[in-house]
Amino acid sequence: MTLALQQTVAAAHFRPKTRLGFNTRVSFNDTDGPAKGLRDGILLYQAAEAFGYQSGWSYQRHFDNYLSSPLPFFAAVGQHTSRITLGSAVIPMRYQDPILLAEAAGTTDLLVDGRLELAISTGENAAFDAVFGAVDTDSRTEAKRRQARFLSAVAGDVLHTVDGPGQGAPEGTQLRVTPHSPTLRSRIRQGVASVASAIQAAELGIGLITGTVQHGHAEGESFGAYQARIIEAYRSAWRRIWQTEPPAVAVAASILVGTTAELREKYAAYDLERRTLGIAASRPKGALAPVAPGQLPSGRQISPVFQGTPDEVTEAVLADPGLAAADELVLFLPPAHGLEENLRVLRDLAETVAPHLGWAPAT
């Protein structure tokens, strides 16, 4: 079967990608320092907007050589861009004060003219518990409690009605988060790694973005097949609960288009490193050394790297069930890549593969 015919067969089950985005950790190394990493992050967003990308996403990563506080970063990026949406992927709610986060999110969204997209999660990290403090219940239950409080605050709900003296306002005053961005609640997503989390997102009435690590898959089930099942579970639950069509679903994927032999060799080496070291692959100089490189907790799996020639990458992306099911493709950038390398990855995807996925650049 020729590549053209293979693409035609695969495309019959492929949702056209109406939006193209990227995902960066806004990393920095010990040589150049964090200020340069942050400024390079702004330049990356500017360039992606010029290439026609519709969204740019940034991780939150505490206590390491990565961005730890995305909202002030997005407020800065927003002053240097005009179209591209600015997304967090993801903010773990277990380690947030929900009201303070809602205030910061509303402020940021107003500053960037309604371009903020927040992806939140209910995951946990034992090391972070030691810093942020223990909770009376388990971490996931606490994360869900804070998530519900945050969503209520962002929606503009009354958080407290003054019911006596000494509360800083007249009795009967209804306290809400200010400043309030009226449409921000509709741009909150759940970052999910399992079917259960996807169904929870639908129950909460928020959007969905799937990441590069999963858990809960069936034995022998590929990453892409489980990703497609996660997306279908979300859409089915949404239609059942809300009786409307669900919002667009985004998926993060590692896609490296080798436009030269040198790049193909480099990306193949990264692919091997990622399959060997897992989430420990591609770390900037000075980043924390992982305790158990290459090992994921039992029952978890990491996403594949789509790499090769432009034709090979196009064929693989069209054939992947998870990527086929999504509405928006979010390019995962290797964390240790510098600005120039990342710009090349963005440009090569936009120019060689994305047009075959139904995507048209924003203008």
Protein backbone atom coordinates (compact mmCIF):
# COMPACT_ATOMS: atom_id res chain seq x y z
CA MET A 1 0.00 0.00 0.00
CA THR A 2 1.41 3.40 -0.94
CA LEU A 3 1.83 6.14 1.65
CA ALA A 4 -0.86 8.23 -0.05
CA LEU A 5 -3.36 5.34 0.15
CA GLN A 6 -2.38 4.56 3.74
CA GLN A 7 -3.00 8.19 4.68
CA THR A 8 -6.39 8.13 2.95
CA VAL A 9 -7.46 5.01 4.86
CA ALA A 10 -6.20 6.37 8.19
CA ALA A 11 -7.70 9.81 7.60
CA ALA A 12 -11.18 8.28 7.28
CA HIS A 13 -11.13 7.83 11.08
CA PHE A 14 -9.08 10.95 11.85
CA ARG A 15 -10.64 14.10 13.27
CA PRO A 16 -9.19 17.14 11.51
CA LYS A 17 -7.00 19.09 13.89
CA THR A 18 -8.65 22.48 14.17
CA ARG A 19 -5.97 23.71 16.59
CA LEU A 20 -2.26 23.11 16.94
CA GLY A 21 -0.38 23.80 20.15
CA PHE A 22 2.86 23.09 21.96
CA ASN A 23 3.78 22.18 25.53
CA THR A 24 6.98 23.42 27.18
CA ARG A 25 8.45 23.25 30.64
CA VAL A 26 10.15 26.65 30.23
CA SER A 27 13.35 25.03 31.44
CA PHE A 28 16.66 26.65 32.31
CA ASN A 29 20.17 25.39 32.93
CA ASP A 30 22.73 26.24 35.58
CA THR A 31 25.01 27.93 33.06
CA ASP A 32 22.60 30.54 31.66
CA GLY A 33 20.30 30.80 34.69
CA PRO A 34 16.53 31.10 35.14
CA ALA A 35 16.12 34.66 33.80
CA LYS A 36 17.30 33.60 30.34
CA GLY A 37 15.07 30.53 30.43
CA LEU A 38 12.03 32.67 31.20
CA ARG A 39 12.86 35.20 28.47
CA ASP A 40 13.46 32.39 25.98
CA GLY A 41 10.04 31.05 26.96
CA ILE A 42 8.44 34.35 25.95
CA LEU A 43 10.31 34.27 22.63
CA LEU A 44 9.09 30.71 22.05
CA TYR A 45 5.46 31.82 22.42
CA GLN A 46 6.04 34.77 20.11
CA ALA A 47 7.55 32.55 17.43
CA ALA A 48 4.83 29.91 17.76
CA GLU A 49 2.19 32.59 17.25
CA ALA A 50 4.03 33.76 14.13
CA PHE A 51 4.05 30.15 12.84
CA GLY A 52 0.26 30.05 13.25
CA TYR A 53 0.00 27.92 16.40
CA GLN A 54 -3.26 28.48 18.25
CA SER A 55 -2.16 27.43 21.76
CA GLY A 56 0.91 27.31 23.97
CA TRP A 57 1.00 25.25 27.17
CA SER A 58 3.50 25.28 30.05
CA TYR A 59 4.06 22.79 32.82
CA GLN A 60 4.17 23.71 36.48
CA ARG A 61 7.13 21.97 38.08
CA HIS A 62 8.17 22.78 41.66
CA PHE A 63 11.71 22.71 43.08
CA ASP A 64 13.55 22.08 39.80
CA ASN A 65 14.99 23.86 36.75
CA TYR A 66 11.54 24.47 35.27
CA LEU A 67 8.69 26.97 35.51
CA SER A 68 7.12 26.82 38.98
CA SER A 69 4.63 29.71 38.76
CA PRO A 70 2.91 29.81 35.36
CA LEU A 71 0.40 32.61 35.94
CA PRO A 72 2.84 35.54 36.23
CA PHE A 73 4.70 34.03 33.27
CA PHE A 74 1.50 33.99 31.20
CA ALA A 75 0.75 37.58 32.20
CA ALA A 76 4.16 38.53 30.79
CA VAL A 77 3.73 36.42 27.64
CA GLY A 78 0.36 38.04 27.07
CA GLN A 79 1.99 41.45 26.74
CA HIS A 80 4.18 40.15 23.90
CA THR A 81 1.52 38.17 21.95
CA SER A 82 -1.98 38.87 20.71
CA ARG A 83 -3.69 35.64 19.50
CA ILE A 84 -2.19 32.49 20.96
CA THR A 85 -3.95 31.04 24.01
CA LEU A 86 -1.89 30.50 27.15
CA GLY A 87 -2.41 27.24 28.97
CA SER A 88 -1.14 25.53 32.10
CA ALA A 89 -0.64 21.78 31.80
CA VAL A 90 -1.07 20.96 34.56
CA ILE A 91 -1.49 22.67 37.96
CA PRO A 92 -1.84 20.06 40.75
CA MET A 93 -4.68 21.31 42.96
CA ARG A 94 -3.39 19.47 46.02
CA TYR A 95 -0.69 22.15 46.38
CA GLN A 96 -2.79 25.26 45.67
CA ASP A 97 -4.83 27.57 47.81
CA PRO A 98 -7.99 27.51 45.65
CA ILE A 99 -9.10 31.08 46.41
CA LEU A 100 -5.67 32.64 45.85
CA LEU A 101 -5.33 30.66 42.62
CA ALA A 102 -8.75 31.87 41.46
CA GLU A 103 -7.74 35.48 42.17
CA ALA A 104 -4.46 35.11 40.29
CA ALA A 105 -6.17 33.33 37.39
CA GLY A 106 -8.84 36.01 37.05
CA THR A 107 -6.23 38.76 37.13
CA THR A 108 -4.07 37.01 34.55
CA ASP A 109 -6.99 36.25 32.23
CA LEU A 110 -8.09 39.89 32.20
CA LEU A 111 -4.54 41.03 31.47
CA VAL A 112 -4.24 38.67 28.48
CA ASP A 113 -7.68 39.51 27.05
CA GLY A 114 -9.36 36.20 27.84
CA ARG A 115 -6.67 33.92 26.40
CA LEU A 116 -5.96 31.88 29.54
CA GLU A 117 -6.65 28.12 29.55
CA LEU A 118 -5.99 26.38 32.83
CA ALA A 119 -5.48 22.64 32.98
CA ILE A 120 -5.63 21.34 36.54
CA SER A 121 -5.16 17.91 38.07
CA THR A 122 -5.79 15.95 41.24
CA GLY A 123 -2.44 14.17 41.26
CA GLU A 124 0.07 14.09 44.10
CA ASN A 125 3.79 13.99 44.87
CA ALA A 126 5.07 12.67 48.19
CA ALA A 127 8.02 15.08 48.25
CA PHE A 128 5.68 18.04 47.78
CA ASP A 129 3.55 16.89 50.73
CA ALA A 130 6.63 17.26 52.95
CA VAL A 131 7.00 20.90 51.87
CA PHE A 132 3.39 22.07 51.52
CA GLY A 133 2.21 20.25 54.64
CA ALA A 134 0.22 17.15 55.41
CA VAL A 135 -3.58 16.96 55.21
CA ASP A 136 -6.09 15.17 57.40
CA THR A 137 -7.40 13.04 54.53
CA ASP A 138 -5.60 11.41 51.61
CA SER A 139 -3.97 13.69 49.03
CA ARG A 140 -6.34 12.92 46.14
CA THR A 141 -9.44 13.58 48.22
CA GLU A 142 -7.93 16.87 49.35
CA ALA A 143 -7.06 17.76 45.75
CA LYS A 144 -10.65 17.16 44.66
CA ARG A 145 -11.94 19.32 47.53
CA ARG A 146 -9.64 22.18 46.51
CA GLN A 147 -10.55 21.70 42.86
CA ALA A 148 -14.27 22.07 43.63
CA ARG A 149 -13.60 25.19 45.70
CA PHE A 150 -11.46 26.68 42.93
CA LEU A 151 -14.08 26.03 40.23
CA SER A 152 -16.73 27.64 42.40
CA ALA A 153 -14.52 30.68 43.00
CA VAL A 154 -13.64 31.07 39.31
CA ALA A 155 -17.34 30.85 38.43
CA GLY A 156 -18.04 33.88 40.61
CA ASP A 157 -20.03 32.01 43.25
CA VAL A 158 -20.58 33.55 46.69
CA LEU A 159 -17.83 32.22 48.94
CA HIS A 160 -19.10 33.72 52.18
CA THR A 161 -21.85 36.03 53.41
CA VAL A 162 -20.75 38.31 56.22
CA ASP A 163 -22.86 37.29 59.21
CA GLY A 164 -21.51 39.37 62.05
CA PRO A 165 -19.15 42.14 63.19
CA GLY A 166 -15.38 42.11 62.80
CA GLN A 167 -15.33 40.56 59.31
CA GLY A 168 -14.17 43.62 57.38
CA ALA A 169 -17.47 44.34 55.61
CA PRO A 170 -21.10 45.17 56.51
CA GLU A 171 -23.30 42.30 57.60
CA GLY A 172 -25.01 40.68 54.60
CA THR A 173 -22.13 41.43 52.20
CA GLN A 174 -21.55 38.58 49.76
CA LEU A 175 -17.86 37.87 49.15
CA ARG A 176 -16.74 36.72 45.72
CA VAL A 177 -13.35 36.50 44.05
CA THR A 178 -12.27 39.76 42.42
CA PRO A 179 -11.29 40.66 39.81
CA HIS A 180 -13.69 38.24 38.11
CA SER A 181 -13.26 37.08 34.52
CA PRO A 182 -16.79 35.96 33.50
CA THR A 183 -15.78 33.43 30.84
CA LEU A 184 -12.73 31.83 32.48
CA ARG A 185 -14.73 28.94 34.00
CA SER A 186 -15.47 27.73 30.45
CA ARG A 187 -11.73 27.51 29.72
CA ILE A 188 -10.77 25.22 32.61
CA ARG A 189 -9.67 21.71 31.71
CA GLN A 190 -8.82 18.55 33.56
CA GLY A 191 -5.43 17.04 32.83
CA VAL A 192 -6.17 13.32 32.79
CA ALA A 193 -4.26 10.05 32.70
CA SER A 194 -7.13 7.59 33.12
CA VAL A 195 -10.73 6.87 32.18
CA ALA A 196 -11.87 7.65 35.74
CA SER A 197 -10.34 11.15 35.61
CA ALA A 198 -11.93 11.77 32.20
CA ILE A 199 -15.37 10.90 33.52
CA GLN A 200 -14.75 13.15 36.52
CA ALA A 201 -13.94 16.04 34.14
CA ALA A 202 -17.23 15.48 32.34
CA GLU A 203 -19.13 15.41 35.63
CA LEU A 204 -17.55 18.74 36.61
CA GLY A 205 -18.40 20.25 33.23
CA ILE A 206 -14.83 21.17 32.33
CA GLY A 207 -12.64 20.48 29.31
CA LEU A 208 -10.13 17.69 28.77
CA ILE A 209 -6.45 17.43 27.92
CA THR A 210 -4.61 14.11 28.01
CA GLY A 211 -0.92 13.99 28.85
CA THR A 212 2.10 11.83 28.18
CA VAL A 213 1.72 9.43 31.13
CA GLN A 214 -1.25 7.10 31.68
CA HIS A 215 -2.49 4.60 34.22
CA GLY A 216 -5.40 2.20 34.36
CA HIS A 217 -4.94 0.71 30.90
CA ALA A 218 -5.74 -2.91 30.16
CA GLU A 219 -2.91 -5.39 29.91
CA GLY A 220 -1.36 -5.14 26.45
CA GLU A 221 -3.37 -2.04 25.53
CA SER A 222 -1.29 0.48 23.59
CA PHE A 223 -0.92 4.07 24.71
CA GLY A 224 -2.86 5.34 21.72
CA ALA A 225 -5.68 2.83 22.11
CA TYR A 226 -6.15 3.71 25.77
CA GLN A 227 -5.95 7.42 24.96
CA ALA A 228 -8.79 6.97 22.47
CA ARG A 229 -10.80 5.09 25.11
CA ILE A 230 -10.23 7.92 27.61
CA ILE A 231 -11.50 10.47 25.10
CA GLU A 232 -14.55 8.41 24.20
CA ALA A 233 -15.41 7.91 27.89
CA TYR A 234 -15.27 11.68 28.40
CA ARG A 235 -17.46 12.47 25.39
CA SER A 236 -20.01 9.80 26.26
CA ALA A 237 -20.25 10.96 29.87
CA TRP A 238 -20.53 14.59 28.80
CA ARG A 239 -23.40 13.89 26.38
CA ARG A 240 -25.21 11.81 28.99
CA ILE A 241 -24.86 14.41 31.77
CA TRP A 242 -25.17 17.71 29.91
CA GLN A 243 -27.17 16.70 26.82
CA THR A 244 -24.85 18.79 24.63
CA GLU A 245 -21.78 18.15 22.51
CA PRO A 246 -18.57 18.16 24.59
CA PRO A 247 -15.88 20.79 24.20
CA ALA A 248 -12.83 20.16 22.02
CA VAL A 249 -10.35 17.64 23.43
CA ALA A 250 -6.60 18.26 23.36
CA VAL A 251 -3.85 15.60 23.45
CA ALA A 252 -0.16 16.11 24.14
CA ALA A 253 2.20 14.10 21.94
CA SER A 254 5.94 13.92 21.28
CA ILE A 255 6.28 14.54 17.52
CA LEU A 256 9.73 15.19 16.03
CA VAL A 257 9.90 15.61 12.27
CA GLY A 258 13.32 14.77 10.86
CA THR A 259 13.69 17.02 7.83
CA THR A 260 17.40 16.10 7.51
CA ALA A 261 19.41 12.94 8.11
CA GLU A 262 21.17 14.64 11.01
CA LEU A 263 17.88 15.51 12.69
CA ARG A 264 16.48 12.02 12.14
CA GLU A 265 19.52 10.55 13.87
CA LYS A 266 19.17 13.00 16.75
CA TYR A 267 15.45 12.36 17.20
CA ALA A 268 15.93 8.60 17.04
CA ALA A 269 18.47 8.93 19.87
CA TYR A 270 15.94 10.93 21.91
CA ASP A 271 13.30 8.30 21.21
CA LEU A 272 15.65 5.61 22.56
CA GLU A 273 16.50 7.75 25.58
CA ARG A 274 12.82 8.29 26.34
CA ARG A 275 12.01 4.60 25.99
CA THR A 276 15.00 3.74 28.19
CA LEU A 277 14.84 6.51 30.80
CA GLY A 278 11.14 7.35 30.59
CA ILE A 279 10.22 10.64 32.23
CA ALA A 280 13.88 11.14 33.19
CA ALA A 281 14.87 11.72 29.54
CA SER A 282 16.06 15.11 28.26
CA ARG A 283 16.81 17.11 31.39
CA PRO A 284 18.51 20.52 31.45
CA LYS A 285 21.87 20.94 33.16
CA GLY A 286 21.35 21.19 36.88
CA ALA A 287 17.89 19.60 36.96
CA LEU A 288 17.19 17.20 39.80
CA ALA A 289 18.44 13.69 39.17
CA PRO A 290 15.52 11.22 39.20
CA VAL A 291 15.58 8.64 41.98
CA ALA A 292 14.72 5.74 39.68
CA PRO A 293 15.42 6.70 36.05
CA GLY A 294 13.49 4.72 33.48
CA GLN A 295 11.00 3.34 35.96
CA LEU A 296 7.37 4.34 36.16
CA PRO A 297 5.12 3.17 38.98
CA SER A 298 3.43 -0.15 38.32
CA GLY A 299 0.47 0.14 35.96
CA ARG A 300 1.64 3.30 34.21
CA GLN A 301 2.94 3.85 30.69
CA ILE A 302 4.58 6.72 28.83
CA SER A 303 3.64 8.05 25.42
CA PRO A 304 5.60 7.09 22.29
CA VAL A 305 7.79 9.42 20.25
CA PHE A 306 6.63 9.93 16.67
CA GLN A 307 9.88 10.48 14.79
CA GLY A 308 11.26 9.89 11.29
CA THR A 309 10.89 11.51 7.89
CA PRO A 310 7.95 13.88 7.32
CA ASP A 311 6.08 11.13 5.44
CA GLU A 312 6.78 8.54 8.16
CA VAL A 313 5.65 10.88 10.93
CA THR A 314 2.50 11.87 9.03
CA GLU A 315 1.60 8.22 8.50
CA ALA A 316 2.20 7.34 12.15
CA VAL A 317 0.18 10.29 13.48
CA LEU A 318 -2.76 9.55 11.16
CA ALA A 319 -2.74 5.90 12.22
CA ASP A 320 -2.59 6.49 15.99
CA PRO A 321 -6.05 6.04 17.53
CA GLY A 322 -5.48 8.50 20.37
CA LEU A 323 -4.27 11.32 18.14
CA ALA A 324 -7.00 10.52 15.63
CA ALA A 325 -9.70 10.98 18.27
CA ALA A 326 -8.55 14.42 19.47
CA ASP A 327 -9.58 17.85 18.22
CA GLU A 328 -6.36 19.65 19.17
CA LEU A 329 -2.79 18.39 18.92
CA VAL A 330 -0.31 19.72 21.49
CA LEU A 331 3.35 19.17 20.64
CA PHE A 332 5.42 18.07 23.64
CA LEU A 333 8.85 19.73 23.41
CA PRO A 334 11.88 17.91 24.89
CA PRO A 335 12.72 19.79 28.11
CA ALA A 336 16.47 20.03 27.50
CA HIS A 337 16.12 21.52 24.01
CA GLY A 338 17.24 25.12 23.71
CA LEU A 339 15.28 27.90 22.08
CA GLU A 340 16.67 27.41 18.57
CA GLU A 341 16.06 23.66 18.66
CA ASN A 342 12.49 24.16 19.84
CA LEU A 343 11.82 26.74 17.14
CA ARG A 344 12.96 24.25 14.51
CA VAL A 345 10.69 21.54 15.95
CA LEU A 346 7.72 23.92 15.88
CA ARG A 347 8.42 25.12 12.36
CA ASP A 348 9.05 21.67 10.88
CA LEU A 349 5.80 20.24 12.31
CA ALA A 350 3.78 23.21 11.10
CA GLU A 351 5.26 23.15 7.62
CA THR A 352 5.53 19.43 6.84
CA VAL A 353 3.04 17.34 8.86
CA ALA A 354 0.29 19.58 10.29
CA PRO A 355 -1.17 20.53 6.87
CA HIS A 356 -1.93 16.82 6.27
CA LEU A 357 -3.90 16.70 9.54
CA GLY A 358 -6.51 19.20 8.47
CA TRP A 359 -4.79 22.09 10.26
CA ALA A 360 -4.59 25.64 8.99
CA PRO A 361 -2.40 28.25 10.72
CA ALA A 362 -4.03 31.10 12.61
CA THR A 363 -3.75 34.47 10.95
